[in-house]
Amino acid sequence: MYDVKAPSERTEKARKAKPARTALQRFRVVAEALGEDADGLLEAFAESWLAQLRERVSEGDS
């Protein structure tokens, strides 16, 4: 079977070996691997998200 250890059972050396990447760092790695423009994707997401928020606000004003 697999030798899986709980985070509390990991050695200090194992914890320091490789710092965890943030979600944004992982996003950029995947976008690059897929040949996508990470900044362009983030900007498109932000524009879409803001448009949805504006729509919700305007629906609440009705």
PDB file of N, CA and C in Angstrom:
ATOM      1  N   MET A   1       0.831  -1.184   0.000  1.00  0.00           N
ATOM      2  CA  MET A   1       0.000   0.000   0.000  1.00  0.00           C
ATOM      3  C   MET A   1       0.879   1.253   0.000  1.00  0.00           C
ATOM      4  N   TYR A   2       0.209   2.369   0.024  1.00  0.00           N
ATOM      5  CA  TYR A   2       0.904   3.651   0.010  1.00  0.00           C
ATOM      6  C   TYR A   2       1.346   4.037   1.409  1.00  0.00           C
ATOM      7  N   ASP A   3       2.489   4.677   1.495  1.00  0.00           N
ATOM      8  CA  ASP A   3       2.987   5.174   2.770  1.00  0.00           C
ATOM      9  C   ASP A   3       2.671   6.665   2.835  1.00  0.00           C
ATOM     10  N   VAL A   4       1.465   6.982   3.266  1.00  0.00           N
ATOM     11  CA  VAL A   4       1.015   8.372   3.326  1.00  0.00           C
ATOM     12  C   VAL A   4       1.112   8.853   4.762  1.00  0.00           C
ATOM     13  N   LYS A   5       1.697  10.021   4.942  1.00  0.00           N
ATOM     14  CA  LYS A   5       1.845  10.577   6.275  1.00  0.00           C
ATOM     15  C   LYS A   5       1.003  11.842   6.408  1.00  0.00           C
ATOM     16  N   ALA A   6       0.439  12.009   7.575  1.00  0.00           N
ATOM     17  CA  ALA A   6      -0.300  13.230   7.877  1.00  0.00           C
ATOM     18  C   ALA A   6       0.688  14.388   7.924  1.00  0.00           C
ATOM     19  N   PRO A   7       0.217  15.620   7.656  1.00  0.00           N
ATOM     20  CA  PRO A   7       1.132  16.763   7.693  1.00  0.00           C
ATOM     21  C   PRO A   7       1.912  16.862   9.005  1.00  0.00           C
ATOM     22  N   SER A   8       1.291  16.485  10.105  1.00  0.00           N
ATOM     23  CA  SER A   8       1.986  16.564  11.395  1.00  0.00           C
ATOM     24  C   SER A   8       3.091  15.523  11.517  1.00  0.00           C
ATOM     25  N   GLU A   9       3.065  14.499  10.684  1.00  0.00           N
ATOM     26  CA  GLU A   9       4.068  13.436  10.721  1.00  0.00           C
ATOM     27  C   GLU A   9       5.247  13.689   9.790  1.00  0.00           C
ATOM     28  N   ARG A  10       5.142  14.675   8.938  1.00  0.00           N
ATOM     29  CA  ARG A  10       6.227  14.967   8.008  1.00  0.00           C
ATOM     30  C   ARG A  10       7.405  15.569   8.752  1.00  0.00           C
ATOM     31  N   THR A  11       8.572  15.305   8.240  1.00  0.00           N
ATOM     32  CA  THR A  11       9.772  15.830   8.883  1.00  0.00           C
ATOM     33  C   THR A  11       9.934  17.305   8.556  1.00  0.00           C
ATOM     34  N   GLU A  12      10.659  17.999   9.384  1.00  0.00           N
ATOM     35  CA  GLU A  12      10.934  19.422   9.164  1.00  0.00           C
ATOM     36  C   GLU A  12      11.644  19.619   7.829  1.00  0.00           C
ATOM     37  N   LYS A  13      12.556  18.719   7.494  1.00  0.00           N
ATOM     38  CA  LYS A  13      13.297  18.806   6.237  1.00  0.00           C
ATOM     39  C   LYS A  13      12.340  18.715   5.048  1.00  0.00           C
ATOM     40  N   ALA A  14      11.381  17.814   5.120  1.00  0.00           N
ATOM     41  CA  ALA A  14      10.418  17.652   4.027  1.00  0.00           C
ATOM     42  C   ALA A  14       9.554  18.899   3.876  1.00  0.00           C
ATOM     43  N   ARG A  15       9.208  19.532   4.992  1.00  0.00           N
ATOM     44  CA  ARG A  15       8.378  20.741   4.928  1.00  0.00           C
ATOM     45  C   ARG A  15       9.127  21.897   4.290  1.00  0.00           C
ATOM     46  N   LYS A  16      10.421  21.974   4.523  1.00  0.00           N
ATOM     47  CA  LYS A  16      11.217  23.087   4.007  1.00  0.00           C
ATOM     48  C   LYS A  16      11.764  22.817   2.618  1.00  0.00           C
ATOM     49  N   ALA A  17      11.684  21.597   2.150  1.00  0.00           N
ATOM     50  CA  ALA A  17      12.299  21.212   0.884  1.00  0.00           C
ATOM     51  C   ALA A  17      11.756  22.005  -0.294  1.00  0.00           C
ATOM     52  N   LYS A  18      10.470  22.163  -0.367  1.00  0.00           N
ATOM     53  CA  LYS A  18       9.869  22.812  -1.527  1.00  0.00           C
ATOM     54  C   LYS A  18       8.711  23.692  -1.059  1.00  0.00           C
ATOM     55  N   PRO A  19       8.882  25.006  -1.145  1.00  0.00           N
ATOM     56  CA  PRO A  19       7.801  25.872  -0.690  1.00  0.00           C
ATOM     57  C   PRO A  19       6.548  25.696  -1.558  1.00  0.00           C
ATOM     58  N   ALA A  20       5.416  25.748  -0.924  1.00  0.00           N
ATOM     59  CA  ALA A  20       4.152  25.595  -1.647  1.00  0.00           C
ATOM     60  C   ALA A  20       3.929  26.799  -2.552  1.00  0.00           C
ATOM     61  N   ARG A  21       3.394  26.544  -3.713  1.00  0.00           N
ATOM     62  CA  ARG A  21       3.076  27.633  -4.634  1.00  0.00           C
ATOM     63  C   ARG A  21       1.697  28.170  -4.322  1.00  0.00           C
ATOM     64  N   THR A  22       1.534  29.446  -4.568  1.00  0.00           N
ATOM     65  CA  THR A  22       0.227  30.053  -4.387  1.00  0.00           C
ATOM     66  C   THR A  22      -0.660  29.662  -5.566  1.00  0.00           C
ATOM     67  N   ALA A  23      -1.940  29.872  -5.417  1.00  0.00           N
ATOM     68  CA  ALA A  23      -2.877  29.562  -6.502  1.00  0.00           C
ATOM     69  C   ALA A  23      -2.530  30.374  -7.748  1.00  0.00           C
ATOM     70  N   LEU A  24      -2.133  31.617  -7.558  1.00  0.00           N
ATOM     71  CA  LEU A  24      -1.788  32.459  -8.699  1.00  0.00           C
ATOM     72  C   LEU A  24      -0.537  31.943  -9.410  1.00  0.00           C
ATOM     73  N   GLN A  25       0.432  31.485  -8.641  1.00  0.00           N
ATOM     74  CA  GLN A  25       1.639  30.914  -9.256  1.00  0.00           C
ATOM     75  C   GLN A  25       1.293  29.652 -10.036  1.00  0.00           C
ATOM     76  N   ARG A  26       0.452  28.795  -9.474  1.00  0.00           N
ATOM     77  CA  ARG A  26       0.050  27.563 -10.174  1.00  0.00           C
ATOM     78  C   ARG A  26      -0.738  27.915 -11.434  1.00  0.00           C
ATOM     79  N   PHE A  27      -1.613  28.917 -11.341  1.00  0.00           N
ATOM     80  CA  PHE A  27      -2.385  29.368 -12.499  1.00  0.00           C
ATOM     81  C   PHE A  27      -1.455  29.788 -13.629  1.00  0.00           C
ATOM     82  N   ARG A  28      -0.436  30.568 -13.291  1.00  0.00           N
ATOM     83  CA  ARG A  28       0.496  31.047 -14.311  1.00  0.00           C
ATOM     84  C   ARG A  28       1.271  29.891 -14.951  1.00  0.00           C
ATOM     85  N   VAL A  29       1.670  28.916 -14.166  1.00  0.00           N
ATOM     86  CA  VAL A  29       2.389  27.753 -14.695  1.00  0.00           C
ATOM     87  C   VAL A  29       1.507  26.999 -15.684  1.00  0.00           C
ATOM     88  N   VAL A  30       0.259  26.771 -15.305  1.00  0.00           N
ATOM     89  CA  VAL A  30      -0.661  26.019 -16.172  1.00  0.00           C
ATOM     90  C   VAL A  30      -0.971  26.824 -17.432  1.00  0.00           C
ATOM     91  N   ALA A  31      -1.233  28.115 -17.281  1.00  0.00           N
ATOM     92  CA  ALA A  31      -1.522  28.955 -18.450  1.00  0.00           C
ATOM     93  C   ALA A  31      -0.349  28.929 -19.431  1.00  0.00           C
ATOM     94  N   GLU A  32       0.851  29.048 -18.906  1.00  0.00           N
ATOM     95  CA  GLU A  32       2.037  29.020 -19.765  1.00  0.00           C
ATOM     96  C   GLU A  32       2.166  27.668 -20.459  1.00  0.00           C
ATOM     97  N   ALA A  33       1.929  26.594 -19.721  1.00  0.00           N
ATOM     98  CA  ALA A  33       2.035  25.253 -20.301  1.00  0.00           C
ATOM     99  C   ALA A  33       1.032  25.056 -21.424  1.00  0.00           C
ATOM    100  N   LEU A  34      -0.109  25.719 -21.321  1.00  0.00           N
ATOM    101  CA  LEU A  34      -1.142  25.610 -22.354  1.00  0.00           C
ATOM    102  C   LEU A  34      -0.972  26.639 -23.462  1.00  0.00           C
ATOM    103  N   GLY A  35       0.069  27.462 -23.354  1.00  0.00           N
ATOM    104  CA  GLY A  35       0.318  28.466 -24.377  1.00  0.00           C
ATOM    105  C   GLY A  35      -0.628  29.644 -24.288  1.00  0.00           C
ATOM    106  N   GLU A  36      -1.192  29.873 -23.124  1.00  0.00           N
ATOM    107  CA  GLU A  36      -2.139  30.969 -22.924  1.00  0.00           C
ATOM    108  C   GLU A  36      -1.434  32.168 -22.295  1.00  0.00           C
ATOM    109  N   ASP A  37      -2.034  33.334 -22.461  1.00  0.00           N
ATOM    110  CA  ASP A  37      -1.542  34.571 -21.857  1.00  0.00           C
ATOM    111  C   ASP A  37      -2.186  34.706 -20.482  1.00  0.00           C
ATOM    112  N   ALA A  38      -1.428  34.432 -19.433  1.00  0.00           N
ATOM    113  CA  ALA A  38      -1.968  34.444 -18.067  1.00  0.00           C
ATOM    114  C   ALA A  38      -2.560  35.809 -17.713  1.00  0.00           C
ATOM    115  N   ASP A  39      -1.853  36.876 -18.031  1.00  0.00           N
ATOM    116  CA  ASP A  39      -2.362  38.209 -17.710  1.00  0.00           C
ATOM    117  C   ASP A  39      -3.642  38.514 -18.481  1.00  0.00           C
ATOM    118  N   GLY A  40      -3.699  38.085 -19.732  1.00  0.00           N
ATOM    119  CA  GLY A  40      -4.907  38.282 -20.531  1.00  0.00           C
ATOM    120  C   GLY A  40      -6.090  37.512 -19.968  1.00  0.00           C
ATOM    121  N   LEU A  41      -5.837  36.274 -19.526  1.00  0.00           N
ATOM    122  CA  LEU A  41      -6.895  35.482 -18.912  1.00  0.00           C
ATOM    123  C   LEU A  41      -7.389  36.119 -17.624  1.00  0.00           C
ATOM    124  N   LEU A  42      -6.460  36.608 -16.802  1.00  0.00           N
ATOM    125  CA  LEU A  42      -6.836  37.253 -15.549  1.00  0.00           C
ATOM    126  C   LEU A  42      -7.637  38.524 -15.805  1.00  0.00           C
ATOM    127  N   GLU A  43      -7.232  39.296 -16.808  1.00  0.00           N
ATOM    128  CA  GLU A  43      -7.967  40.520 -17.140  1.00  0.00           C
ATOM    129  C   GLU A  43      -9.367  40.192 -17.642  1.00  0.00           C
ATOM    130  N   ALA A  44      -9.484  39.164 -18.476  1.00  0.00           N
ATOM    131  CA  ALA A  44     -10.801  38.756 -18.976  1.00  0.00           C
ATOM    132  C   ALA A  44     -11.692  38.283 -17.825  1.00  0.00           C
ATOM    133  N   PHE A  45     -11.111  37.541 -16.895  1.00  0.00           N
ATOM    134  CA  PHE A  45     -11.877  37.094 -15.743  1.00  0.00           C
ATOM    135  C   PHE A  45     -12.348  38.283 -14.917  1.00  0.00           C
ATOM    136  N   ALA A  46     -11.440  39.233 -14.670  1.00  0.00           N
ATOM    137  CA  ALA A  46     -11.783  40.403 -13.867  1.00  0.00           C
ATOM    138  C   ALA A  46     -12.903  41.200 -14.524  1.00  0.00           C
ATOM    139  N   GLU A  47     -12.831  41.382 -15.832  1.00  0.00           N
ATOM    140  CA  GLU A  47     -13.878  42.118 -16.550  1.00  0.00           C
ATOM    141  C   GLU A  47     -15.212  41.393 -16.448  1.00  0.00           C
ATOM    142  N   SER A  48     -15.195  40.086 -16.620  1.00  0.00           N
ATOM    143  CA  SER A  48     -16.418  39.294 -16.523  1.00  0.00           C
ATOM    144  C   SER A  48     -17.004  39.366 -15.121  1.00  0.00           C
ATOM    145  N   TRP A  49     -16.160  39.237 -14.123  1.00  0.00           N
ATOM    146  CA  TRP A  49     -16.598  39.271 -12.730  1.00  0.00           C
ATOM    147  C   TRP A  49     -17.207  40.630 -12.380  1.00  0.00           C
ATOM    148  N   LEU A  50     -16.542  41.704 -12.824  1.00  0.00           N
ATOM    149  CA  LEU A  50     -17.066  43.044 -12.565  1.00  0.00           C
ATOM    150  C   LEU A  50     -18.402  43.268 -13.271  1.00  0.00           C
ATOM    151  N   ALA A  51     -18.541  42.749 -14.483  1.00  0.00           N
ATOM    152  CA  ALA A  51     -19.810  42.872 -15.208  1.00  0.00           C
ATOM    153  C   ALA A  51     -20.928  42.150 -14.462  1.00  0.00           C
ATOM    154  N   GLN A  52     -20.625  40.978 -13.922  1.00  0.00           N
ATOM    155  CA  GLN A  52     -21.623  40.242 -13.141  1.00  0.00           C
ATOM    156  C   GLN A  52     -22.019  41.023 -11.892  1.00  0.00           C
ATOM    157  N   LEU A  53     -21.047  41.633 -11.245  1.00  0.00           N
ATOM    158  CA  LEU A  53     -21.348  42.434 -10.056  1.00  0.00           C
ATOM    159  C   LEU A  53     -22.216  43.633 -10.406  1.00  0.00           C
ATOM    160  N   ARG A  54     -21.887  44.319 -11.515  1.00  0.00           N
ATOM    161  CA  ARG A  54     -22.699  45.465 -11.946  1.00  0.00           C
ATOM    162  C   ARG A  54     -24.129  45.026 -12.215  1.00  0.00           C
ATOM    163  N   GLU A  55     -24.295  43.848 -12.840  1.00  0.00           N
ATOM    164  CA  GLU A  55     -25.622  43.326 -13.140  1.00  0.00           C
ATOM    165  C   GLU A  55     -26.392  43.040 -11.850  1.00  0.00           C
ATOM    166  N   ARG A  56     -25.748  42.447 -10.880  1.00  0.00           N
ATOM    167  CA  ARG A  56     -26.405  42.178  -9.591  1.00  0.00           C
ATOM    168  C   ARG A  56     -26.821  43.457  -8.896  1.00  0.00           C
ATOM    169  N   VAL A  57     -25.942  44.459  -8.931  1.00  0.00           N
ATOM    170  CA  VAL A  57     -26.262  45.736  -8.287  1.00  0.00           C
ATOM    171  C   VAL A  57     -27.441  46.389  -8.979  1.00  0.00           C
ATOM    172  N   SER A  58     -27.434  46.371 -10.305  1.00  0.00           N
ATOM    173  CA  SER A  58     -28.522  47.008 -11.032  1.00  0.00           C
ATOM    174  C   SER A  58     -29.841  46.263 -10.845  1.00  0.00           C
ATOM    175  N   GLU A  59     -29.774  44.944 -10.679  1.00  0.00           N
ATOM    176  CA  GLU A  59     -30.985  44.169 -10.401  1.00  0.00           C
ATOM    177  C   GLU A  59     -31.524  44.515  -9.020  1.00  0.00           C
ATOM    178  N   GLY A  60     -30.640  44.790  -8.080  1.00  0.00           N
ATOM    179  CA  GLY A  60     -31.046  45.149  -6.722  1.00  0.00           C
ATOM    180  C   GLY A  60     -31.654  46.522  -6.665  1.00  0.00           C
ATOM    181  N   ASP A  61     -31.295  47.395  -7.604  1.00  0.00           N
ATOM    182  CA  ASP A  61     -31.831  48.763  -7.634  1.00  0.00           C
ATOM    183  C   ASP A  61     -33.236  48.810  -8.233  1.00  0.00           C
ATOM    184  N   SER A  62     -33.628  47.766  -8.936  1.00  0.00           N
ATOM    185  CA  SER A  62     -34.932  47.765  -9.645  1.00  0.00           C
ATOM    186  C   SER A  62     -36.085  47.635  -8.687  1.00  0.00           C
TER     187      SER A  62
END
